[in-house]
Amino acid sequence: MNKTRLSFGQLKTDLSASWAIAKKDMRIYYIKPGTFMFGILFPLFMFLSFAVGKNAPASTLIPGLISITILFSASSIGPMVIPTERRVKTFERLLSAPISFYSIYWARL
């Protein structure tokens, strides 16, 4: 039998674990004033400053907005998550949990 294929039960367990980790991360890290300002409002205002007055279609402007939002939100969260997780000792708990590494990875995206 092929060991790389996941069963439906394992996939369901991994998705459930990923959702639990993502909910915890949203509650702790993402819904904070600094993250909201630097990750959402700053890219939005930067996008508006470049988009206003241009006669470009939305199909060419929206990918730019998405990419700068991802860049700035990842750069505001990244330096904070791992040190905080290590200080609170939850990072090791996630790595030693009986869930796959990919569940942790998909929850952190």
PDB file of N, CA and C in Angstrom:
ATOM      1  N   MET A   1       0.832  -1.175   0.000  1.00  0.00           N
ATOM      2  CA  MET A   1       0.000   0.000   0.000  1.00  0.00           C
ATOM      3  C   MET A   1       0.883   1.246   0.000  1.00  0.00           C
ATOM      4  N   ASN A   2       0.450   2.270  -0.677  1.00  0.00           N
ATOM      5  CA  ASN A   2       1.198   3.507  -0.778  1.00  0.00           C
ATOM      6  C   ASN A   2       1.070   4.294   0.521  1.00  0.00           C
ATOM      7  N   LYS A   3       2.200   4.607   1.154  1.00  0.00           N
ATOM      8  CA  LYS A   3       2.192   5.288   2.448  1.00  0.00           C
ATOM      9  C   LYS A   3       1.937   6.787   2.325  1.00  0.00           C
ATOM     10  N   THR A   4       2.065   7.375   1.131  1.00  0.00           N
ATOM     11  CA  THR A   4       1.907   8.817   0.985  1.00  0.00           C
ATOM     12  C   THR A   4       0.453   9.240   0.860  1.00  0.00           C
ATOM     13  N   ARG A   5      -0.443   8.325   0.623  1.00  0.00           N
ATOM     14  CA  ARG A   5      -1.856   8.671   0.480  1.00  0.00           C
ATOM     15  C   ARG A   5      -2.506   8.768   1.851  1.00  0.00           C
ATOM     16  N   LEU A   6      -3.333   9.788   2.009  1.00  0.00           N
ATOM     17  CA  LEU A   6      -4.042   9.973   3.262  1.00  0.00           C
ATOM     18  C   LEU A   6      -5.437   9.386   3.161  1.00  0.00           C
ATOM     19  N   SER A   7      -5.879   8.823   4.235  1.00  0.00           N
ATOM     20  CA  SER A   7      -7.251   8.357   4.266  1.00  0.00           C
ATOM     21  C   SER A   7      -8.162   9.546   4.560  1.00  0.00           C
ATOM     22  N   PHE A   8      -9.435   9.361   4.338  1.00  0.00           N
ATOM     23  CA  PHE A   8     -10.392  10.437   4.592  1.00  0.00           C
ATOM     24  C   PHE A   8     -10.407  10.811   6.072  1.00  0.00           C
ATOM     25  N   GLY A   9     -10.304   9.816   6.944  1.00  0.00           N
ATOM     26  CA  GLY A   9     -10.287  10.084   8.389  1.00  0.00           C
ATOM     27  C   GLY A   9      -9.065  10.888   8.797  1.00  0.00           C
ATOM     28  N   GLN A  10      -7.907  10.563   8.233  1.00  0.00           N
ATOM     29  CA  GLN A  10      -6.686  11.299   8.552  1.00  0.00           C
ATOM     30  C   GLN A  10      -6.766  12.721   8.020  1.00  0.00           C
ATOM     31  N   LEU A  11      -7.316  12.874   6.822  1.00  0.00           N
ATOM     32  CA  LEU A  11      -7.477  14.209   6.252  1.00  0.00           C
ATOM     33  C   LEU A  11      -8.419  15.054   7.102  1.00  0.00           C
ATOM     34  N   LYS A  12      -9.498  14.445   7.561  1.00  0.00           N
ATOM     35  CA  LYS A  12     -10.451  15.153   8.416  1.00  0.00           C
ATOM     36  C   LYS A  12      -9.794  15.569   9.731  1.00  0.00           C
ATOM     37  N   THR A  13      -8.993  14.680  10.312  1.00  0.00           N
ATOM     38  CA  THR A  13      -8.276  14.988  11.546  1.00  0.00           C
ATOM     39  C   THR A  13      -7.274  16.114  11.331  1.00  0.00           C
ATOM     40  N   ASP A  14      -6.527  16.059  10.227  1.00  0.00           N
ATOM     41  CA  ASP A  14      -5.545  17.101   9.927  1.00  0.00           C
ATOM     42  C   ASP A  14      -6.217  18.451   9.698  1.00  0.00           C
ATOM     43  N   LEU A  15      -7.333  18.460   8.974  1.00  0.00           N
ATOM     44  CA  LEU A  15      -8.040  19.723   8.748  1.00  0.00           C
ATOM     45  C   LEU A  15      -8.609  20.291  10.042  1.00  0.00           C
ATOM     46  N   SER A  16      -9.109  19.429  10.900  1.00  0.00           N
ATOM     47  CA  SER A  16      -9.629  19.862  12.192  1.00  0.00           C
ATOM     48  C   SER A  16      -8.510  20.450  13.057  1.00  0.00           C
ATOM     49  N   ALA A  17      -7.356  19.792  13.059  1.00  0.00           N
ATOM     50  CA  ALA A  17      -6.211  20.295  13.822  1.00  0.00           C
ATOM     51  C   ALA A  17      -5.714  21.613  13.250  1.00  0.00           C
ATOM     52  N   SER A  18      -5.670  21.724  11.923  1.00  0.00           N
ATOM     53  CA  SER A  18      -5.238  22.972  11.292  1.00  0.00           C
ATOM     54  C   SER A  18      -6.173  24.114  11.648  1.00  0.00           C
ATOM     55  N   TRP A  19      -7.476  23.846  11.638  1.00  0.00           N
ATOM     56  CA  TRP A  19      -8.441  24.890  11.967  1.00  0.00           C
ATOM     57  C   TRP A  19      -8.304  25.323  13.422  1.00  0.00           C
ATOM     58  N   ALA A  20      -8.060  24.390  14.337  1.00  0.00           N
ATOM     59  CA  ALA A  20      -7.883  24.734  15.752  1.00  0.00           C
ATOM     60  C   ALA A  20      -6.652  25.615  15.945  1.00  0.00           C
ATOM     61  N   ILE A  21      -5.559  25.283  15.268  1.00  0.00           N
ATOM     62  CA  ILE A  21      -4.339  26.089  15.373  1.00  0.00           C
ATOM     63  C   ILE A  21      -4.560  27.467  14.753  1.00  0.00           C
ATOM     64  N   ALA A  22      -5.234  27.522  13.616  1.00  0.00           N
ATOM     65  CA  ALA A  22      -5.494  28.805  12.952  1.00  0.00           C
ATOM     66  C   ALA A  22      -6.385  29.699  13.809  1.00  0.00           C
ATOM     67  N   LYS A  23      -7.400  29.125  14.464  1.00  0.00           N
ATOM     68  CA  LYS A  23      -8.263  29.924  15.342  1.00  0.00           C
ATOM     69  C   LYS A  23      -7.474  30.504  16.501  1.00  0.00           C
ATOM     70  N   LYS A  24      -6.585  29.690  17.083  1.00  0.00           N
ATOM     71  CA  LYS A  24      -5.753  30.169  18.188  1.00  0.00           C
ATOM     72  C   LYS A  24      -4.847  31.301  17.720  1.00  0.00           C
ATOM     73  N   ASP A  25      -4.230  31.133  16.554  1.00  0.00           N
ATOM     74  CA  ASP A  25      -3.347  32.171  16.029  1.00  0.00           C
ATOM     75  C   ASP A  25      -4.108  33.451  15.712  1.00  0.00           C
ATOM     76  N   MET A  26      -5.297  33.332  15.148  1.00  0.00           N
ATOM     77  CA  MET A  26      -6.085  34.529  14.859  1.00  0.00           C
ATOM     78  C   MET A  26      -6.426  35.276  16.140  1.00  0.00           C
ATOM     79  N   ARG A  27      -6.807  34.530  17.165  1.00  0.00           N
ATOM     80  CA  ARG A  27      -7.184  35.154  18.424  1.00  0.00           C
ATOM     81  C   ARG A  27      -5.983  35.826  19.099  1.00  0.00           C
ATOM     82  N   ILE A  28      -4.831  35.181  19.047  1.00  0.00           N
ATOM     83  CA  ILE A  28      -3.669  35.695  19.767  1.00  0.00           C
ATOM     84  C   ILE A  28      -2.898  36.740  18.972  1.00  0.00           C
ATOM     85  N   TYR A  29      -2.686  36.510  17.685  1.00  0.00           N
ATOM     86  CA  TYR A  29      -1.760  37.350  16.926  1.00  0.00           C
ATOM     87  C   TYR A  29      -2.419  38.285  15.916  1.00  0.00           C
ATOM     88  N   TYR A  30      -3.376  37.797  15.159  1.00  0.00           N
ATOM     89  CA  TYR A  30      -3.850  38.551  14.013  1.00  0.00           C
ATOM     90  C   TYR A  30      -4.855  39.638  14.357  1.00  0.00           C
ATOM     91  N   ILE A  31      -5.623  39.468  15.412  1.00  0.00           N
ATOM     92  CA  ILE A  31      -6.627  40.469  15.759  1.00  0.00           C
ATOM     93  C   ILE A  31      -6.037  41.389  16.824  1.00  0.00           C
ATOM     94  N   LYS A  32      -4.970  42.037  16.493  1.00  0.00           N
ATOM     95  CA  LYS A  32      -4.301  43.013  17.351  1.00  0.00           C
ATOM     96  C   LYS A  32      -4.218  44.333  16.598  1.00  0.00           C
ATOM     97  N   PRO A  33      -4.225  45.459  17.309  1.00  0.00           N
ATOM     98  CA  PRO A  33      -4.210  46.757  16.614  1.00  0.00           C
ATOM     99  C   PRO A  33      -2.995  46.961  15.707  1.00  0.00           C
ATOM    100  N   GLY A  34      -1.808  46.570  16.156  1.00  0.00           N
ATOM    101  CA  GLY A  34      -0.616  46.759  15.334  1.00  0.00           C
ATOM    102  C   GLY A  34      -0.663  45.951  14.050  1.00  0.00           C
ATOM    103  N   THR A  35      -1.103  44.724  14.151  1.00  0.00           N
ATOM    104  CA  THR A  35      -1.217  43.870  12.973  1.00  0.00           C
ATOM    105  C   THR A  35      -2.287  44.383  12.031  1.00  0.00           C
ATOM    106  N   PHE A  36      -3.388  44.831  12.586  1.00  0.00           N
ATOM    107  CA  PHE A  36      -4.468  45.365  11.757  1.00  0.00           C
ATOM    108  C   PHE A  36      -4.010  46.620  11.020  1.00  0.00           C
ATOM    109  N   MET A  37      -3.312  47.514  11.714  1.00  0.00           N
ATOM    110  CA  MET A  37      -2.843  48.753  11.087  1.00  0.00           C
ATOM    111  C   MET A  37      -1.782  48.464  10.026  1.00  0.00           C
ATOM    112  N   PHE A  38      -0.779  47.688  10.386  1.00  0.00           N
ATOM    113  CA  PHE A  38       0.339  47.469   9.476  1.00  0.00           C
ATOM    114  C   PHE A  38       0.028  46.436   8.409  1.00  0.00           C
ATOM    115  N   GLY A  39      -0.862  45.493   8.696  1.00  0.00           N
ATOM    116  CA  GLY A  39      -1.137  44.427   7.757  1.00  0.00           C
ATOM    117  C   GLY A  39      -2.308  44.678   6.831  1.00  0.00           C
ATOM    118  N   ILE A  40      -3.245  45.548   7.221  1.00  0.00           N
ATOM    119  CA  ILE A  40      -4.422  45.766   6.385  1.00  0.00           C
ATOM    120  C   ILE A  40      -4.578  47.230   5.984  1.00  0.00           C
ATOM    121  N   LEU A  41      -4.573  48.134   6.959  1.00  0.00           N
ATOM    122  CA  LEU A  41      -4.810  49.538   6.623  1.00  0.00           C
ATOM    123  C   LEU A  41      -3.660  50.171   5.842  1.00  0.00           C
ATOM    124  N   PHE A  42      -2.427  49.892   6.241  1.00  0.00           N
ATOM    125  CA  PHE A  42      -1.284  50.458   5.523  1.00  0.00           C
ATOM    126  C   PHE A  42      -1.240  50.025   4.056  1.00  0.00           C
ATOM    127  N   PRO A  43      -1.376  48.711   3.744  1.00  0.00           N
ATOM    128  CA  PRO A  43      -1.401  48.328   2.325  1.00  0.00           C
ATOM    129  C   PRO A  43      -2.593  48.913   1.572  1.00  0.00           C
ATOM    130  N   LEU A  44      -3.734  49.034   2.241  1.00  0.00           N
ATOM    131  CA  LEU A  44      -4.905  49.605   1.580  1.00  0.00           C
ATOM    132  C   LEU A  44      -4.672  51.065   1.209  1.00  0.00           C
ATOM    133  N   PHE A  45      -4.138  51.856   2.125  1.00  0.00           N
ATOM    134  CA  PHE A  45      -3.867  53.262   1.816  1.00  0.00           C
ATOM    135  C   PHE A  45      -2.737  53.416   0.809  1.00  0.00           C
ATOM    136  N   MET A  46      -1.741  52.538   0.870  1.00  0.00           N
ATOM    137  CA  MET A  46      -0.677  52.582  -0.122  1.00  0.00           C
ATOM    138  C   MET A  46      -1.224  52.232  -1.502  1.00  0.00           C
ATOM    139  N   PHE A  47      -2.096  51.249  -1.566  1.00  0.00           N
ATOM    140  CA  PHE A  47      -2.739  50.872  -2.811  1.00  0.00           C
ATOM    141  C   PHE A  47      -3.568  52.027  -3.365  1.00  0.00           C
ATOM    142  N   LEU A  48      -4.340  52.667  -2.498  1.00  0.00           N
ATOM    143  CA  LEU A  48      -5.169  53.791  -2.950  1.00  0.00           C
ATOM    144  C   LEU A  48      -4.327  54.951  -3.453  1.00  0.00           C
ATOM    145  N   SER A  49      -3.174  55.191  -2.825  1.00  0.00           N
ATOM    146  CA  SER A  49      -2.320  56.296  -3.273  1.00  0.00           C
ATOM    147  C   SER A  49      -1.763  56.051  -4.674  1.00  0.00           C
ATOM    148  N   PHE A  50      -1.563  54.810  -5.053  1.00  0.00           N
ATOM    149  CA  PHE A  50      -1.081  54.520  -6.397  1.00  0.00           C
ATOM    150  C   PHE A  50      -2.207  54.299  -7.398  1.00  0.00           C
ATOM    151  N   ALA A  51      -3.375  53.850  -6.932  1.00  0.00           N
ATOM    152  CA  ALA A  51      -4.464  53.510  -7.842  1.00  0.00           C
ATOM    153  C   ALA A  51      -5.331  54.704  -8.226  1.00  0.00           C
ATOM    154  N   VAL A  52      -5.438  55.679  -7.342  1.00  0.00           N
ATOM    155  CA  VAL A  52      -6.303  56.831  -7.630  1.00  0.00           C
ATOM    156  C   VAL A  52      -5.678  57.643  -8.762  1.00  0.00           C
ATOM    157  N   GLY A  53      -6.472  57.919  -9.748  1.00  0.00           N
ATOM    158  CA  GLY A  53      -6.012  58.715 -10.879  1.00  0.00           C
ATOM    159  C   GLY A  53      -5.488  57.905 -12.050  1.00  0.00           C
ATOM    160  N   LYS A  54      -5.380  56.612 -11.891  1.00  0.00           N
ATOM    161  CA  LYS A  54      -4.937  55.765 -13.000  1.00  0.00           C
ATOM    162  C   LYS A  54      -6.152  55.159 -13.671  1.00  0.00           C
ATOM    163  N   ASN A  55      -6.092  55.016 -14.935  1.00  0.00           N
ATOM    164  CA  ASN A  55      -7.187  54.421 -15.685  1.00  0.00           C
ATOM    165  C   ASN A  55      -6.925  52.938 -15.943  1.00  0.00           C
ATOM    166  N   ALA A  56      -6.402  52.270 -14.946  1.00  0.00           N
ATOM    167  CA  ALA A  56      -6.106  50.837 -15.084  1.00  0.00           C
ATOM    168  C   ALA A  56      -7.316  50.026 -14.637  1.00  0.00           C
ATOM    169  N   PRO A  57      -7.564  48.904 -15.301  1.00  0.00           N
ATOM    170  CA  PRO A  57      -8.684  48.064 -14.875  1.00  0.00           C
ATOM    171  C   PRO A  57      -8.395  47.393 -13.523  1.00  0.00           C
ATOM    172  N   ALA A  58      -9.463  47.033 -12.832  1.00  0.00           N
ATOM    173  CA  ALA A  58      -9.319  46.413 -11.514  1.00  0.00           C
ATOM    174  C   ALA A  58      -8.575  45.082 -11.588  1.00  0.00           C
ATOM    175  N   SER A  59      -8.672  44.399 -12.723  1.00  0.00           N
ATOM    176  CA  SER A  59      -7.998  43.104 -12.846  1.00  0.00           C
ATOM    177  C   SER A  59      -6.478  43.237 -12.796  1.00  0.00           C
ATOM    178  N   THR A  60      -5.944  44.411 -13.071  1.00  0.00           N
ATOM    179  CA  THR A  60      -4.499  44.608 -12.951  1.00  0.00           C
ATOM    180  C   THR A  60      -4.113  45.216 -11.610  1.00  0.00           C
ATOM    181  N   LEU A  61      -5.063  45.849 -10.920  1.00  0.00           N
ATOM    182  CA  LEU A  61      -4.749  46.480  -9.637  1.00  0.00           C
ATOM    183  C   LEU A  61      -4.923  45.542  -8.446  1.00  0.00           C
ATOM    184  N   ILE A  62      -5.901  44.670  -8.488  1.00  0.00           N
ATOM    185  CA  ILE A  62      -6.205  43.799  -7.348  1.00  0.00           C
ATOM    186  C   ILE A  62      -5.060  42.834  -7.010  1.00  0.00           C
ATOM    187  N   PRO A  63      -4.376  42.213  -7.980  1.00  0.00           N
ATOM    188  CA  PRO A  63      -3.242  41.362  -7.598  1.00  0.00           C
ATOM    189  C   PRO A  63      -2.150  42.124  -6.845  1.00  0.00           C
ATOM    190  N   GLY A  64      -1.949  43.378  -7.182  1.00  0.00           N
ATOM    191  CA  GLY A  64      -0.985  44.191  -6.447  1.00  0.00           C
ATOM    192  C   GLY A  64      -1.417  44.438  -5.015  1.00  0.00           C
ATOM    193  N   LEU A  65      -2.700  44.707  -4.827  1.00  0.00           N
ATOM    194  CA  LEU A  65      -3.223  44.904  -3.475  1.00  0.00           C
ATOM    195  C   LEU A  65      -3.073  43.638  -2.643  1.00  0.00           C
ATOM    196  N   ILE A  66      -3.387  42.503  -3.224  1.00  0.00           N
ATOM    197  CA  ILE A  66      -3.273  41.241  -2.502  1.00  0.00           C
ATOM    198  C   ILE A  66      -1.815  40.964  -2.132  1.00  0.00           C
ATOM    199  N   SER A  67      -0.906  41.205  -3.057  1.00  0.00           N
ATOM    200  CA  SER A  67       0.499  40.904  -2.780  1.00  0.00           C
ATOM    201  C   SER A  67       1.091  41.828  -1.727  1.00  0.00           C
ATOM    202  N   ILE A  68       0.770  43.129  -1.741  1.00  0.00           N
ATOM    203  CA  ILE A  68       1.341  43.992  -0.704  1.00  0.00           C
ATOM    204  C   ILE A  68       0.681  43.734   0.652  1.00  0.00           C
ATOM    205  N   THR A  69      -0.582  43.327   0.650  1.00  0.00           N
ATOM    206  CA  THR A  69      -1.221  42.974   1.916  1.00  0.00           C
ATOM    207  C   THR A  69      -0.575  41.735   2.517  1.00  0.00           C
ATOM    208  N   ILE A  70      -0.310  40.730   1.695  1.00  0.00           N
ATOM    209  CA  ILE A  70       0.360  39.521   2.191  1.00  0.00           C
ATOM    210  C   ILE A  70       1.766  39.849   2.673  1.00  0.00           C
ATOM    211  N   LEU A  71       2.489  40.675   1.931  1.00  0.00           N
ATOM    212  CA  LEU A  71       3.849  41.042   2.324  1.00  0.00           C
ATOM    213  C   LEU A  71       3.873  41.740   3.672  1.00  0.00           C
ATOM    214  N   PHE A  72       3.046  42.764   3.834  1.00  0.00           N
ATOM    215  CA  PHE A  72       3.091  43.532   5.071  1.00  0.00           C
ATOM    216  C   PHE A  72       2.487  42.787   6.255  1.00  0.00           C
ATOM    217  N   SER A  73       1.446  41.993   6.032  1.00  0.00           N
ATOM    218  CA  SER A  73       0.904  41.243   7.171  1.00  0.00           C
ATOM    219  C   SER A  73       1.848  40.133   7.591  1.00  0.00           C
ATOM    220  N   ALA A  74       2.510  39.483   6.648  1.00  0.00           N
ATOM    221  CA  ALA A  74       3.486  38.453   7.014  1.00  0.00           C
ATOM    222  C   ALA A  74       4.694  39.067   7.714  1.00  0.00           C
ATOM    223  N   SER A  75       5.109  40.249   7.275  1.00  0.00           N
ATOM    224  CA  SER A  75       6.269  40.869   7.919  1.00  0.00           C
ATOM    225  C   SER A  75       5.925  41.449   9.285  1.00  0.00           C
ATOM    226  N   SER A  76       4.655  41.704   9.552  1.00  0.00           N
ATOM    227  CA  SER A  76       4.304  42.189  10.887  1.00  0.00           C
ATOM    228  C   SER A  76       4.058  41.037  11.852  1.00  0.00           C
ATOM    229  N   ILE A  77       3.694  39.868  11.352  1.00  0.00           N
ATOM    230  CA  ILE A  77       3.417  38.717  12.209  1.00  0.00           C
ATOM    231  C   ILE A  77       4.656  37.842  12.408  1.00  0.00           C
ATOM    232  N   GLY A  78       5.419  37.638  11.364  1.00  0.00           N
ATOM    233  CA  GLY A  78       6.548  36.709  11.399  1.00  0.00           C
ATOM    234  C   GLY A  78       7.532  36.913  12.538  1.00  0.00           C
ATOM    235  N   PRO A  79       8.036  38.121  12.746  1.00  0.00           N
ATOM    236  CA  PRO A  79       9.004  38.313  13.827  1.00  0.00           C
ATOM    237  C   PRO A  79       8.416  38.167  15.228  1.00  0.00           C
ATOM    238  N   MET A  80       7.093  38.155  15.332  1.00  0.00           N
ATOM    239  CA  MET A  80       6.471  38.096  16.641  1.00  0.00           C
ATOM    240  C   MET A  80       6.051  36.680  17.034  1.00  0.00           C
ATOM    241  N   VAL A  81       5.695  35.839  16.081  1.00  0.00           N
ATOM    242  CA  VAL A  81       5.074  34.554  16.391  1.00  0.00           C
ATOM    243  C   VAL A  81       6.051  33.565  17.033  1.00  0.00           C
ATOM    244  N   ILE A  82       7.149  33.290  16.380  1.00  0.00           N
ATOM    245  CA  ILE A  82       8.055  32.243  16.879  1.00  0.00           C
ATOM    246  C   ILE A  82       8.633  32.597  18.247  1.00  0.00           C
ATOM    247  N   PRO A  83       9.146  33.820  18.491  1.00  0.00           N
ATOM    248  CA  PRO A  83       9.635  34.118  19.845  1.00  0.00           C
ATOM    249  C   PRO A  83       8.551  34.014  20.916  1.00  0.00           C
ATOM    250  N   THR A  84       7.340  34.448  20.584  1.00  0.00           N
ATOM    251  CA  THR A  84       6.259  34.350  21.558  1.00  0.00           C
ATOM    252  C   THR A  84       5.890  32.898  21.815  1.00  0.00           C
ATOM    253  N   GLU A  85       5.806  32.099  20.765  1.00  0.00           N
ATOM    254  CA  GLU A  85       5.486  30.678  20.926  1.00  0.00           C
ATOM    255  C   GLU A  85       6.567  29.967  21.745  1.00  0.00           C
ATOM    256  N   ARG A  86       7.812  30.318  21.531  1.00  0.00           N
ATOM    257  CA  ARG A  86       8.890  29.682  22.290  1.00  0.00           C
ATOM    258  C   ARG A  86       8.874  30.124  23.750  1.00  0.00           C
ATOM    259  N   ARG A  87       8.572  31.390  23.998  1.00  0.00           N
ATOM    260  CA  ARG A  87       8.540  31.898  25.371  1.00  0.00           C
ATOM    261  C   ARG A  87       7.408  31.258  26.169  1.00  0.00           C
ATOM    262  N   VAL A  88       6.258  31.069  25.545  1.00  0.00           N
ATOM    263  CA  VAL A  88       5.093  30.495  26.213  1.00  0.00           C
ATOM    264  C   VAL A  88       5.152  28.967  26.219  1.00  0.00           C
ATOM    265  N   LYS A  89       6.118  28.403  25.504  1.00  0.00           N
ATOM    266  CA  LYS A  89       6.334  26.957  25.398  1.00  0.00           C
ATOM    267  C   LYS A  89       5.212  26.237  24.656  1.00  0.00           C
ATOM    268  N   THR A  90       4.577  26.889  23.703  1.00  0.00           N
ATOM    269  CA  THR A  90       3.560  26.222  22.896  1.00  0.00           C
ATOM    270  C   THR A  90       4.118  25.739  21.568  1.00  0.00           C
ATOM    271  N   PHE A  91       5.269  26.255  21.157  1.00  0.00           N
ATOM    272  CA  PHE A  91       5.880  25.829  19.900  1.00  0.00           C
ATOM    273  C   PHE A  91       6.288  24.358  19.981  1.00  0.00           C
ATOM    274  N   GLU A  92       6.939  23.967  21.082  1.00  0.00           N
ATOM    275  CA  GLU A  92       7.346  22.573  21.256  1.00  0.00           C
ATOM    276  C   GLU A  92       6.128  21.665  21.372  1.00  0.00           C
ATOM    277  N   ARG A  93       5.066  22.178  21.990  1.00  0.00           N
ATOM    278  CA  ARG A  93       3.852  21.375  22.119  1.00  0.00           C
ATOM    279  C   ARG A  93       3.239  21.115  20.743  1.00  0.00           C
ATOM    280  N   LEU A  94       3.283  22.123  19.865  1.00  0.00           N
ATOM    281  CA  LEU A  94       2.768  21.921  18.511  1.00  0.00           C
ATOM    282  C   LEU A  94       3.610  20.907  17.749  1.00  0.00           C
ATOM    283  N   LEU A  95       4.926  20.989  17.901  1.00  0.00           N
ATOM    284  CA  LEU A  95       5.798  20.069  17.177  1.00  0.00           C
ATOM    285  C   LEU A  95       5.705  18.644  17.698  1.00  0.00           C
ATOM    286  N   SER A  96       5.389  18.484  18.978  1.00  0.00           N
ATOM    287  CA  SER A  96       5.290  17.128  19.531  1.00  0.00           C
ATOM    288  C   SER A  96       3.855  16.609  19.551  1.00  0.00           C
ATOM    289  N   ALA A  97       2.919  17.367  19.028  1.00  0.00           N
ATOM    290  CA  ALA A  97       1.520  16.946  18.996  1.00  0.00           C
ATOM    291  C   ALA A  97       1.343  15.793  18.013  1.00  0.00           C
ATOM    292  N   PRO A  98       0.334  14.965  18.229  1.00  0.00           N
ATOM    293  CA  PRO A  98       0.120  13.828  17.326  1.00  0.00           C
ATOM    294  C   PRO A  98      -0.601  14.227  16.038  1.00  0.00           C
ATOM    295  N   ILE A  99      -0.193  15.339  15.455  1.00  0.00           N
ATOM    296  CA  ILE A  99      -0.725  15.764  14.163  1.00  0.00           C
ATOM    297  C   ILE A  99       0.442  15.909  13.209  1.00  0.00           C
ATOM    298  N   SER A 100       0.147  15.922  11.945  1.00  0.00           N
ATOM    299  CA  SER A 100       1.224  15.970  10.968  1.00  0.00           C
ATOM    300  C   SER A 100       1.818  17.378  10.870  1.00  0.00           C
ATOM    301  N   PHE A 101       3.031  17.423  10.381  1.00  0.00           N
ATOM    302  CA  PHE A 101       3.697  18.706  10.171  1.00  0.00           C
ATOM    303  C   PHE A 101       2.910  19.564   9.194  1.00  0.00           C
ATOM    304  N   TYR A 102       2.289  18.929   8.210  1.00  0.00           N
ATOM    305  CA  TYR A 102       1.527  19.676   7.215  1.00  0.00           C
ATOM    306  C   TYR A 102       0.300  20.347   7.816  1.00  0.00           C
ATOM    307  N   SER A 103      -0.275  19.757   8.849  1.00  0.00           N
ATOM    308  CA  SER A 103      -1.394  20.407   9.535  1.00  0.00           C
ATOM    309  C   SER A 103      -0.945  21.710  10.172  1.00  0.00           C
ATOM    310  N   ILE A 104       0.215  21.669  10.802  1.00  0.00           N
ATOM    311  CA  ILE A 104       0.767  22.886  11.416  1.00  0.00           C
ATOM    312  C   ILE A 104       1.107  23.900  10.332  1.00  0.00           C
ATOM    313  N   TYR A 105       1.691  23.421   9.241  1.00  0.00           N
ATOM    314  CA  TYR A 105       2.070  24.297   8.144  1.00  0.00           C
ATOM    315  C   TYR A 105       0.852  24.991   7.537  1.00  0.00           C
ATOM    316  N   TRP A 106      -0.206  24.243   7.245  1.00  0.00           N
ATOM    317  CA  TRP A 106      -1.402  24.847   6.626  1.00  0.00           C
ATOM    318  C   TRP A 106      -2.106  25.779   7.589  1.00  0.00           C
ATOM    319  N   ALA A 107      -1.995  25.532   8.878  1.00  0.00           N
ATOM    320  CA  ALA A 107      -2.634  26.422   9.849  1.00  0.00           C
ATOM    321  C   ALA A 107      -1.880  27.749   9.940  1.00  0.00           C
ATOM    322  N   ARG A 108      -0.606  27.734   9.654  1.00  0.00           N
ATOM    323  CA  ARG A 108       0.206  28.946   9.766  1.00  0.00           C
ATOM    324  C   ARG A 108       0.194  29.798   8.507  1.00  0.00           C
ATOM    325  N   LEU A 109      -0.417  29.356   7.447  1.00  0.00           N
ATOM    326  CA  LEU A 109      -0.468  30.166   6.221  1.00  0.00           C
ATOM    327  C   LEU A 109      -1.390  31.305   6.309  1.00  0.00           C
TER     328      LEU A 109
END
